[in-house]
Amino acid sequence: MKARVHIMLKNGVLDPQGEAVRHALGSMGFAGVEGVRQGKVIELELAETDAEKAEAEVTRMCEALLANTVIERYEVELL
């Protein structure tokens, strides 16, 4: 089973990378971009075949390592 984890900074947390991308896009002539939030996507190949157990396992991974839950939020998607 595959899982995809989407990780983004929580609302209210400054995103300097996103701001740098927004500024660069403006410099390139894309004036309509008012904000950019940058995140990451992690894809996992799991041995687990039970969807409920897989989601619980990936959630534990996110809480332990994959996401900094103080400043980031995450969503688990099973594929």
N, C-alpha and C. Protein backbone atom coordinates (compact mmCIF):
# COMPACT_ATOMS: atom_id res chain seq x y z
N MET A 1 0.85 -1.17 0.00
CA MET A 1 0.00 0.00 0.00
C MET A 1 0.90 1.24 0.00
N LYS A 2 0.46 2.26 -0.70
CA LYS A 2 1.20 3.51 -0.72
C LYS A 2 0.47 4.56 0.09
N ALA A 3 1.24 5.45 0.68
CA ALA A 3 0.68 6.59 1.41
C ALA A 3 1.41 7.84 0.96
N ARG A 4 0.67 8.92 0.90
CA ARG A 4 1.25 10.22 0.56
C ARG A 4 0.94 11.16 1.72
N VAL A 5 1.95 11.85 2.22
CA VAL A 5 1.79 12.78 3.32
C VAL A 5 2.06 14.18 2.79
N HIS A 6 1.09 15.07 2.98
CA HIS A 6 1.23 16.48 2.60
C HIS A 6 1.51 17.26 3.88
N ILE A 7 2.62 18.00 3.89
CA ILE A 7 3.02 18.74 5.08
C ILE A 7 3.13 20.23 4.72
N MET A 8 2.46 21.06 5.49
CA MET A 8 2.49 22.51 5.27
C MET A 8 2.67 23.21 6.61
N LEU A 9 3.23 24.41 6.54
CA LEU A 9 3.32 25.22 7.75
C LEU A 9 1.91 25.60 8.20
N LYS A 10 1.70 25.66 9.50
CA LYS A 10 0.41 26.08 10.03
C LYS A 10 0.16 27.54 9.69
N ASN A 11 -1.12 27.90 9.63
CA ASN A 11 -1.47 29.30 9.40
C ASN A 11 -0.87 30.16 10.51
N GLY A 12 -0.35 31.30 10.14
CA GLY A 12 0.26 32.20 11.11
C GLY A 12 1.75 32.01 11.28
N VAL A 13 2.30 30.90 10.78
CA VAL A 13 3.74 30.66 10.85
C VAL A 13 4.37 31.29 9.61
N LEU A 14 5.39 32.11 9.82
CA LEU A 14 6.06 32.76 8.70
C LEU A 14 6.69 31.72 7.77
N ASP A 15 6.61 31.99 6.46
CA ASP A 15 7.13 31.07 5.46
C ASP A 15 8.14 31.82 4.58
N PRO A 16 9.40 31.92 5.02
CA PRO A 16 10.39 32.68 4.24
C PRO A 16 10.63 32.10 2.85
N GLN A 17 10.59 30.77 2.71
CA GLN A 17 10.77 30.17 1.38
C GLN A 17 9.61 30.56 0.47
N GLY A 18 8.42 30.51 0.97
CA GLY A 18 7.25 30.90 0.19
C GLY A 18 7.33 32.36 -0.22
N GLU A 19 7.77 33.21 0.69
CA GLU A 19 7.92 34.63 0.38
C GLU A 19 8.99 34.84 -0.68
N ALA A 20 10.08 34.10 -0.62
CA ALA A 20 11.14 34.21 -1.63
C ALA A 20 10.61 33.79 -3.00
N VAL A 21 9.80 32.73 -3.05
CA VAL A 21 9.21 32.29 -4.31
C VAL A 21 8.25 33.35 -4.84
N ARG A 22 7.41 33.91 -3.96
CA ARG A 22 6.48 34.97 -4.37
C ARG A 22 7.24 36.15 -4.96
N HIS A 23 8.30 36.56 -4.31
CA HIS A 23 9.10 37.69 -4.79
C HIS A 23 9.74 37.37 -6.14
N ALA A 24 10.29 36.16 -6.28
CA ALA A 24 10.92 35.77 -7.55
C ALA A 24 9.90 35.74 -8.68
N LEU A 25 8.71 35.23 -8.40
CA LEU A 25 7.67 35.21 -9.43
C LEU A 25 7.29 36.63 -9.85
N GLY A 26 7.21 37.54 -8.88
CA GLY A 26 6.92 38.95 -9.19
C GLY A 26 8.01 39.54 -10.07
N SER A 27 9.25 39.21 -9.76
CA SER A 27 10.39 39.71 -10.56
C SER A 27 10.37 39.15 -11.98
N MET A 28 9.74 38.01 -12.16
CA MET A 28 9.66 37.38 -13.48
C MET A 28 8.43 37.83 -14.26
N GLY A 29 7.66 38.76 -13.69
CA GLY A 29 6.50 39.29 -14.39
C GLY A 29 5.17 38.68 -13.99
N PHE A 30 5.17 37.78 -13.03
CA PHE A 30 3.92 37.18 -12.55
C PHE A 30 3.39 38.02 -11.39
N ALA A 31 2.81 39.18 -11.73
CA ALA A 31 2.43 40.17 -10.73
C ALA A 31 1.20 39.78 -9.92
N GLY A 32 0.40 38.84 -10.38
CA GLY A 32 -0.84 38.50 -9.71
C GLY A 32 -0.70 37.56 -8.52
N VAL A 33 0.50 37.15 -8.19
CA VAL A 33 0.68 36.20 -7.07
C VAL A 33 0.80 37.01 -5.77
N GLU A 34 -0.20 36.88 -4.91
CA GLU A 34 -0.24 37.65 -3.67
C GLU A 34 0.34 36.90 -2.48
N GLY A 35 0.47 35.59 -2.59
CA GLY A 35 1.03 34.83 -1.48
C GLY A 35 1.42 33.44 -1.93
N VAL A 36 2.45 32.89 -1.30
CA VAL A 36 2.91 31.53 -1.59
C VAL A 36 3.21 30.85 -0.27
N ARG A 37 2.72 29.64 -0.11
CA ARG A 37 3.07 28.79 1.03
C ARG A 37 3.74 27.56 0.45
N GLN A 38 4.91 27.25 0.93
CA GLN A 38 5.65 26.10 0.42
C GLN A 38 5.57 24.96 1.43
N GLY A 39 5.41 23.76 0.92
CA GLY A 39 5.34 22.59 1.78
C GLY A 39 6.14 21.45 1.18
N LYS A 40 5.84 20.26 1.66
CA LYS A 40 6.54 19.09 1.13
C LYS A 40 5.56 17.92 1.04
N VAL A 41 5.89 17.00 0.16
CA VAL A 41 5.11 15.78 -0.02
C VAL A 41 6.05 14.60 0.16
N ILE A 42 5.64 13.64 0.97
CA ILE A 42 6.43 12.44 1.20
C ILE A 42 5.57 11.24 0.80
N GLU A 43 6.11 10.40 -0.07
CA GLU A 43 5.41 9.18 -0.46
C GLU A 43 6.08 7.99 0.20
N LEU A 44 5.26 7.12 0.76
CA LEU A 44 5.75 5.94 1.47
C LEU A 44 5.17 4.69 0.84
N GLU A 45 5.99 3.68 0.70
CA GLU A 45 5.55 2.36 0.25
C GLU A 45 5.48 1.49 1.51
N LEU A 46 4.29 1.04 1.84
CA LEU A 46 4.07 0.31 3.09
C LEU A 46 3.79 -1.16 2.84
N ALA A 47 4.26 -2.01 3.75
CA ALA A 47 3.94 -3.44 3.68
C ALA A 47 2.52 -3.70 4.17
N GLU A 48 2.02 -2.83 5.02
CA GLU A 48 0.69 -3.00 5.60
C GLU A 48 -0.38 -2.96 4.51
N THR A 49 -1.34 -3.88 4.57
CA THR A 49 -2.41 -3.92 3.58
C THR A 49 -3.75 -3.45 4.13
N ASP A 50 -3.88 -3.36 5.44
CA ASP A 50 -5.10 -2.88 6.06
C ASP A 50 -5.06 -1.34 6.11
N ALA A 51 -6.02 -0.69 5.49
CA ALA A 51 -6.01 0.78 5.37
C ALA A 51 -6.01 1.47 6.72
N GLU A 52 -6.81 1.00 7.64
CA GLU A 52 -6.91 1.63 8.96
C GLU A 52 -5.58 1.54 9.71
N LYS A 53 -4.96 0.37 9.67
CA LYS A 53 -3.67 0.19 10.34
C LYS A 53 -2.58 1.02 9.64
N ALA A 54 -2.62 1.07 8.32
CA ALA A 54 -1.63 1.85 7.56
C ALA A 54 -1.73 3.32 7.92
N GLU A 55 -2.95 3.84 7.96
CA GLU A 55 -3.12 5.26 8.29
C GLU A 55 -2.63 5.56 9.71
N ALA A 56 -2.92 4.67 10.63
CA ALA A 56 -2.46 4.85 12.01
C ALA A 56 -0.93 4.82 12.08
N GLU A 57 -0.33 3.91 11.32
CA GLU A 57 1.13 3.81 11.30
C GLU A 57 1.78 5.07 10.72
N VAL A 58 1.22 5.56 9.62
CA VAL A 58 1.77 6.77 9.00
C VAL A 58 1.56 7.98 9.91
N THR A 59 0.44 8.03 10.60
CA THR A 59 0.20 9.12 11.56
C THR A 59 1.25 9.10 12.66
N ARG A 60 1.58 7.93 13.15
CA ARG A 60 2.64 7.82 14.17
C ARG A 60 3.98 8.29 13.60
N MET A 61 4.26 7.95 12.33
CA MET A 61 5.49 8.40 11.68
C MET A 61 5.54 9.92 11.61
N CYS A 62 4.42 10.52 11.26
CA CYS A 62 4.35 11.99 11.16
C CYS A 62 4.60 12.64 12.50
N GLU A 63 3.96 12.10 13.53
CA GLU A 63 4.10 12.66 14.87
C GLU A 63 5.52 12.49 15.41
N ALA A 64 6.19 11.41 15.03
CA ALA A 64 7.53 11.11 15.56
C ALA A 64 8.65 11.76 14.76
N LEU A 65 8.48 11.89 13.43
CA LEU A 65 9.62 12.30 12.60
C LEU A 65 9.28 13.19 11.41
N LEU A 66 8.27 12.83 10.66
CA LEU A 66 8.07 13.45 9.36
C LEU A 66 7.61 14.91 9.42
N ALA A 67 6.84 15.27 10.42
CA ALA A 67 6.34 16.64 10.55
C ALA A 67 6.74 17.23 11.90
N ASN A 68 7.04 18.51 11.88
CA ASN A 68 7.27 19.24 13.13
C ASN A 68 5.90 19.78 13.54
N THR A 69 5.20 19.04 14.39
CA THR A 69 3.81 19.36 14.69
C THR A 69 3.63 20.66 15.47
N VAL A 70 4.71 21.26 15.93
CA VAL A 70 4.60 22.57 16.58
C VAL A 70 4.26 23.63 15.54
N ILE A 71 4.88 23.54 14.36
CA ILE A 71 4.68 24.57 13.34
C ILE A 71 4.09 24.05 12.03
N GLU A 72 3.93 22.72 11.91
CA GLU A 72 3.44 22.16 10.66
C GLU A 72 2.18 21.33 10.89
N ARG A 73 1.35 21.30 9.86
CA ARG A 73 0.19 20.41 9.85
C ARG A 73 0.42 19.40 8.73
N TYR A 74 -0.25 18.27 8.84
CA TYR A 74 -0.06 17.25 7.81
C TYR A 74 -1.38 16.56 7.52
N GLU A 75 -1.45 15.99 6.32
CA GLU A 75 -2.60 15.18 5.91
C GLU A 75 -2.07 13.88 5.32
N VAL A 76 -2.68 12.78 5.70
CA VAL A 76 -2.28 11.47 5.20
C VAL A 76 -3.28 11.04 4.14
N GLU A 77 -2.77 10.63 3.00
CA GLU A 77 -3.59 10.15 1.89
C GLU A 77 -3.13 8.74 1.54
N LEU A 78 -4.04 7.77 1.61
CA LEU A 78 -3.70 6.41 1.21
C LEU A 78 -4.03 6.24 -0.26
N LEU A 79 -3.10 5.62 -1.00
CA LEU A 79 -3.27 5.48 -2.45
C LEU A 79 -3.56 4.04 -2.82
